[in-house]
Amino acid sequence: MNPITSFIKRHSQATFWAIAYIIAGGGYILGRLYPSDLWIFVLWGIFISGALITGIVDGRAGVKTYFSRLVRWRAGIQWYAIALLTPFALGSIAFMLNRLSGAEVVGGFPAFGAIAEVFIFSFFTISLGEEPGFRGFSLPRFLAGRSAWTASLILGVLHAIWHLPLVIGGEESVFMLVNPLCAAFIFTWIFNHTNGSVFIAMLMHASSDAVGGIISSLFSGPDRITADIWHGAAFIAVAILLRVFAGRELGRKSEPAMDTMAVEQPAMAR
């Protein structure tokens, strides 16, 4: 067996996250050196790397499962509502608490068309680039042999670290790292109730990006920082509520073995 193939099979999670971090850091640096709107499509490398590693580790059956998650749309209407509206609910809470703490609104609410434009753009670029890899490839492997809560915590920490280039570059406050960390529990909860649907995860991600655009347009300076703090606090509160009411497994039910394929991996996958 090819040494590279053997390494990837034994360390599939480590390989995937190494590529993800290279894309995050390298893509950000190149984007700052050579500004272009096209750099956003570098994120598709996460989607592609997840597919390629799945093919190496799990073969054709695994690749079929990987892509099938992208079109798993059959779910109760309540899960679509939760995925689409939870980010707006959390953003509204952050907005109200920020106003109550003395923050001043410096801009107007974006028009519906502008919000829809951000949502659609994110869905086909950021969400399509990230979620198949993070939720379609990595999450099922972290769920193997772990509680859903623990798997979500690991994935949330790794995802938060993935955002560090934006924090270091000054485009996000450090408090924003709480959001992907705690959002991981919400994503897993939805994932477990929608037969592992990455499609619905992409909807929630796009909705979150739309909400982020709204908040950034309403506050500036220190008030923007406090908005991020309140936003993070709202995410923490939801994560705690999920732990209390959904339990350690966050509603997980047994899936077909093919959906949670994971070979013996001594590195990050165990």
Protein backbone atom coordinates (compact mmCIF):
# COMPACT_ATOMS: atom_id res chain seq x y z
CA MET A 1 0.00 0.00 0.00
CA ASN A 2 1.19 3.50 -0.82
CA PRO A 3 2.70 5.11 2.34
CA ILE A 4 0.62 8.27 1.88
CA THR A 5 -2.58 6.27 1.49
CA SER A 6 -1.68 4.20 4.54
CA PHE A 7 -1.05 7.36 6.59
CA ILE A 8 -4.37 8.91 5.55
CA LYS A 9 -6.25 5.74 6.44
CA ARG A 10 -4.68 5.67 9.89
CA HIS A 11 -5.00 9.40 10.52
CA SER A 12 -7.97 10.53 8.46
CA GLN A 13 -9.19 13.16 10.93
CA ALA A 14 -5.73 14.62 11.45
CA THR A 15 -5.22 14.76 7.68
CA PHE A 16 -8.55 16.47 7.13
CA TRP A 17 -8.03 19.11 9.81
CA ALA A 18 -4.47 19.79 8.70
CA ILE A 19 -5.81 20.55 5.22
CA ALA A 20 -8.62 22.66 6.72
CA TYR A 21 -6.14 24.75 8.72
CA ILE A 22 -3.87 25.19 5.72
CA ILE A 23 -6.86 26.43 3.74
CA ALA A 24 -7.89 28.80 6.54
CA GLY A 25 -4.44 30.25 7.15
CA GLY A 26 -3.05 30.07 3.64
CA GLY A 27 -6.24 31.31 2.02
CA TYR A 28 -6.45 34.25 4.40
CA ILE A 29 -2.82 35.28 3.83
CA LEU A 30 -3.12 35.01 0.05
CA GLY A 31 -6.37 36.94 0.18
CA ARG A 32 -4.67 39.79 2.03
CA LEU A 33 -1.66 39.79 -0.30
CA TYR A 34 -3.66 39.50 -3.51
CA PRO A 35 -7.19 40.83 -2.85
CA SER A 36 -9.89 39.15 -4.90
CA ASP A 37 -13.48 38.09 -4.36
CA LEU A 38 -12.57 34.71 -5.81
CA TRP A 39 -10.58 33.63 -2.74
CA ILE A 40 -13.85 32.68 -1.05
CA PHE A 41 -13.98 29.62 -3.30
CA VAL A 42 -10.84 28.29 -1.63
CA LEU A 43 -13.25 27.08 1.06
CA TRP A 44 -14.50 24.47 -1.38
CA GLY A 45 -11.19 22.75 -0.72
CA ILE A 46 -12.63 21.57 2.60
CA PHE A 47 -15.59 20.00 0.81
CA ILE A 48 -13.30 18.38 -1.76
CA SER A 49 -10.74 17.14 0.78
CA GLY A 50 -13.52 15.53 2.81
CA ALA A 51 -14.70 13.69 -0.30
CA LEU A 52 -11.19 12.56 -1.30
CA ILE A 53 -10.26 11.34 2.19
CA THR A 54 -13.60 9.54 2.47
CA GLY A 55 -12.85 7.79 -0.82
CA ILE A 56 -9.44 6.66 0.42
CA VAL A 57 -10.68 5.50 3.82
CA ASP A 58 -14.20 4.20 3.14
CA GLY A 59 -14.25 3.53 -0.61
CA ARG A 60 -17.19 4.06 -2.94
CA ALA A 61 -19.80 3.30 -0.29
CA GLY A 62 -18.38 6.02 1.93
CA VAL A 63 -18.29 8.55 -0.91
CA LYS A 64 -21.91 7.74 -1.75
CA THR A 65 -22.90 8.43 1.86
CA TYR A 66 -20.81 11.61 1.93
CA PHE A 67 -22.58 13.11 -1.07
CA SER A 68 -25.98 11.77 -0.10
CA ARG A 69 -25.90 13.94 3.02
CA LEU A 70 -25.90 17.01 0.77
CA VAL A 71 -29.32 16.14 -0.59
CA ARG A 72 -30.99 14.74 2.51
CA TRP A 73 -33.86 17.20 2.56
CA ARG A 74 -36.58 14.97 4.01
CA ALA A 75 -37.07 16.24 7.56
CA GLY A 76 -39.87 17.67 9.62
CA ILE A 77 -40.72 21.29 8.87
CA GLN A 78 -39.79 22.14 12.46
CA TRP A 79 -36.14 21.34 11.76
CA TYR A 80 -36.09 23.71 8.82
CA ALA A 81 -37.59 26.37 11.07
CA ILE A 82 -35.02 25.68 13.78
CA ALA A 83 -32.12 25.78 11.33
CA LEU A 84 -33.25 28.98 9.65
CA LEU A 85 -34.65 30.91 12.61
CA THR A 86 -32.36 29.99 15.52
CA PRO A 87 -29.55 32.30 14.27
CA PHE A 88 -32.06 35.17 13.94
CA ALA A 89 -33.40 34.49 17.43
CA LEU A 90 -29.91 34.52 18.93
CA GLY A 91 -29.01 37.64 16.98
CA SER A 92 -32.18 39.37 18.20
CA ILE A 93 -31.35 38.50 21.80
CA ALA A 94 -27.84 39.90 21.34
CA PHE A 95 -29.27 43.07 19.78
CA MET A 96 -31.76 43.66 22.59
CA LEU A 97 -29.24 42.99 25.37
CA ASN A 98 -26.72 45.25 23.68
CA ARG A 99 -29.25 48.06 23.46
CA LEU A 100 -30.25 47.55 27.09
CA SER A 101 -26.58 47.80 28.10
CA GLY A 102 -26.32 51.23 26.45
CA ALA A 103 -25.08 50.48 22.93
CA GLU A 104 -26.11 52.89 20.19
CA VAL A 105 -27.32 51.80 16.77
CA VAL A 106 -25.23 53.48 14.09
CA GLY A 107 -26.90 52.04 11.01
CA GLY A 108 -30.26 50.87 9.77
CA PHE A 109 -31.50 47.33 9.39
CA PRO A 110 -30.56 45.92 5.98
CA ALA A 111 -33.39 45.44 3.50
CA PHE A 112 -34.78 41.94 3.10
CA GLY A 113 -33.19 41.71 -0.33
CA ALA A 114 -29.74 42.42 1.11
CA ILE A 115 -30.21 39.78 3.81
CA ALA A 116 -31.40 37.24 1.22
CA GLU A 117 -28.39 38.04 -0.95
CA VAL A 118 -25.97 37.30 1.90
CA PHE A 119 -27.85 34.10 2.70
CA ILE A 120 -27.73 32.81 -0.89
CA PHE A 121 -24.10 33.82 -1.36
CA SER A 122 -23.07 32.07 1.86
CA PHE A 123 -25.08 28.95 1.04
CA PHE A 124 -23.26 28.35 -2.25
CA THR A 125 -19.79 29.43 -1.10
CA ILE A 126 -19.01 29.36 2.64
CA SER A 127 -21.65 26.85 3.73
CA LEU A 128 -21.11 24.54 0.76
CA GLY A 129 -17.38 24.75 1.33
CA GLU A 130 -17.35 24.08 5.07
CA GLU A 131 -20.34 21.99 6.15
CA PRO A 132 -19.80 18.87 3.99
CA GLY A 133 -16.35 18.57 5.55
CA PHE A 134 -17.09 19.64 9.12
CA ARG A 135 -20.51 18.03 9.52
CA GLY A 136 -20.47 15.46 6.70
CA PHE A 137 -16.96 14.05 7.13
CA SER A 138 -15.66 14.94 10.58
CA LEU A 139 -18.74 14.81 12.82
CA PRO A 140 -19.78 11.19 12.07
CA ARG A 141 -16.23 10.06 12.83
CA PHE A 142 -16.10 11.96 16.12
CA LEU A 143 -19.49 10.47 17.02
CA ALA A 144 -18.09 6.95 16.64
CA GLY A 145 -17.33 5.74 20.16
CA ARG A 146 -18.15 9.05 21.85
CA SER A 147 -21.18 10.77 23.25
CA ALA A 148 -22.71 13.36 20.94
CA TRP A 149 -21.85 16.05 23.49
CA THR A 150 -18.17 15.13 23.56
CA ALA A 151 -18.00 14.82 19.77
CA SER A 152 -19.58 18.26 19.42
CA LEU A 153 -17.18 19.78 21.93
CA ILE A 154 -14.16 18.45 20.04
CA LEU A 155 -15.51 19.61 16.69
CA GLY A 156 -16.49 22.98 18.15
CA VAL A 157 -13.01 23.61 19.52
CA LEU A 158 -11.39 22.66 16.22
CA HIS A 159 -13.82 24.89 14.31
CA ALA A 160 -13.16 27.81 16.67
CA ILE A 161 -9.41 27.42 16.13
CA TRP A 162 -10.10 27.37 12.38
CA HIS A 163 -11.45 30.94 12.73
CA LEU A 164 -8.25 32.24 14.36
CA PRO A 165 -6.84 33.85 11.17
CA LEU A 166 -9.86 36.18 11.11
CA VAL A 167 -9.28 37.09 14.75
CA ILE A 168 -5.55 37.63 14.27
CA GLY A 169 -6.26 39.73 11.19
CA GLY A 170 -8.67 41.90 13.16
CA GLU A 171 -11.74 40.98 11.13
CA GLU A 172 -13.46 39.22 14.04
CA SER A 173 -13.23 39.80 17.78
CA VAL A 174 -11.88 37.01 19.95
CA PHE A 175 -15.33 36.74 21.53
CA MET A 176 -16.69 35.50 18.20
CA LEU A 177 -14.81 32.23 18.73
CA VAL A 178 -17.51 31.26 21.21
CA ASN A 179 -20.08 31.10 18.40
CA PRO A 180 -18.65 28.20 16.33
CA LEU A 181 -17.72 26.41 19.54
CA CYS A 182 -21.26 26.45 20.97
CA ALA A 183 -22.98 26.26 17.58
CA ALA A 184 -21.44 22.79 17.20
CA PHE A 185 -23.91 21.47 19.78
CA ILE A 186 -26.85 22.97 17.87
CA PHE A 187 -25.58 21.56 14.58
CA THR A 188 -25.18 18.09 16.08
CA TRP A 189 -28.64 18.22 17.65
CA ILE A 190 -30.16 19.07 14.27
CA PHE A 191 -27.90 16.54 12.49
CA ASN A 192 -29.13 13.79 14.81
CA HIS A 193 -32.78 14.60 14.13
CA THR A 194 -32.51 14.94 10.34
CA ASN A 195 -30.79 11.65 9.45
CA GLY A 196 -27.40 13.33 9.21
CA SER A 197 -28.48 16.03 6.78
CA VAL A 198 -25.67 18.34 5.69
CA PHE A 199 -28.15 20.23 3.54
CA ILE A 200 -30.00 21.50 6.60
CA ALA A 201 -26.69 22.29 8.31
CA MET A 202 -25.81 24.44 5.30
CA LEU A 203 -29.09 26.32 5.68
CA MET A 204 -28.31 27.09 9.31
CA HIS A 205 -24.77 28.19 8.46
CA ALA A 206 -26.02 30.54 5.75
CA SER A 207 -28.63 31.93 8.12
CA SER A 208 -25.91 32.57 10.72
CA ASP A 209 -23.82 34.45 8.19
CA ALA A 210 -26.82 36.60 7.27
CA VAL A 211 -27.36 37.45 10.94
CA GLY A 212 -23.68 38.31 11.34
CA GLY A 213 -24.02 40.78 8.51
CA ILE A 214 -26.99 42.43 10.19
CA ILE A 215 -25.22 42.86 13.53
CA SER A 216 -22.09 44.25 11.90
CA SER A 217 -24.20 46.88 10.14
CA LEU A 218 -25.93 48.04 13.32
CA PHE A 219 -23.03 48.55 15.73
CA SER A 220 -19.46 49.78 15.53
CA GLY A 221 -16.43 50.23 17.78
CA PRO A 222 -16.82 49.10 21.41
CA ASP A 223 -20.55 48.58 20.91
CA ARG A 224 -19.78 46.00 18.27
CA ILE A 225 -17.54 44.16 20.74
CA THR A 226 -20.28 44.10 23.37
CA ALA A 227 -22.71 42.82 20.72
CA ASP A 228 -20.30 39.95 20.05
CA ILE A 229 -20.13 39.23 23.80
CA TRP A 230 -23.92 39.13 24.12
CA HIS A 231 -24.15 37.01 20.97
CA GLY A 232 -21.67 34.53 22.43
CA ALA A 233 -23.57 34.49 25.72
CA ALA A 234 -26.76 33.59 23.85
CA PHE A 235 -24.95 30.69 22.13
CA ILE A 236 -23.62 29.48 25.50
CA ALA A 237 -27.13 29.58 26.97
CA VAL A 238 -28.50 27.45 24.12
CA ALA A 239 -25.67 24.94 24.47
CA ILE A 240 -26.43 24.60 28.19
CA LEU A 241 -30.15 24.19 27.51
CA LEU A 242 -29.41 21.46 24.97
CA ARG A 243 -27.25 19.63 27.50
CA VAL A 244 -30.03 19.80 30.07
CA PHE A 245 -33.00 18.91 27.87
CA ALA A 246 -31.47 16.85 25.02
CA GLY A 247 -28.93 15.01 27.15
CA ARG A 248 -25.45 13.75 26.35
CA GLU A 249 -26.52 12.22 23.05
CA LEU A 250 -28.36 15.33 21.76
CA GLY A 251 -31.14 13.16 20.40
CA ARG A 252 -28.87 10.70 18.60
CA LYS A 253 -30.43 7.58 17.18
CA SER A 254 -28.59 4.64 15.66
CA GLU A 255 -27.80 5.09 11.95
CA PRO A 256 -26.92 2.50 9.35
CA ALA A 257 -23.33 1.41 9.78
CA MET A 258 -22.42 2.95 6.43
CA ASP A 259 -23.34 6.43 7.70
CA THR A 260 -20.84 6.31 10.53
CA MET A 261 -17.97 4.53 8.85
CA ALA A 262 -14.72 4.94 10.72
CA VAL A 263 -11.73 2.68 10.58
CA GLU A 264 -9.49 2.10 13.55
CA GLN A 265 -7.59 5.37 13.85
CA PRO A 266 -5.13 5.94 16.67
CA ALA A 267 -4.96 9.69 16.17
CA MET A 268 -7.78 12.25 16.39
CA ALA A 269 -10.58 9.91 15.41
CA ARG A 270 -10.46 7.96 18.68
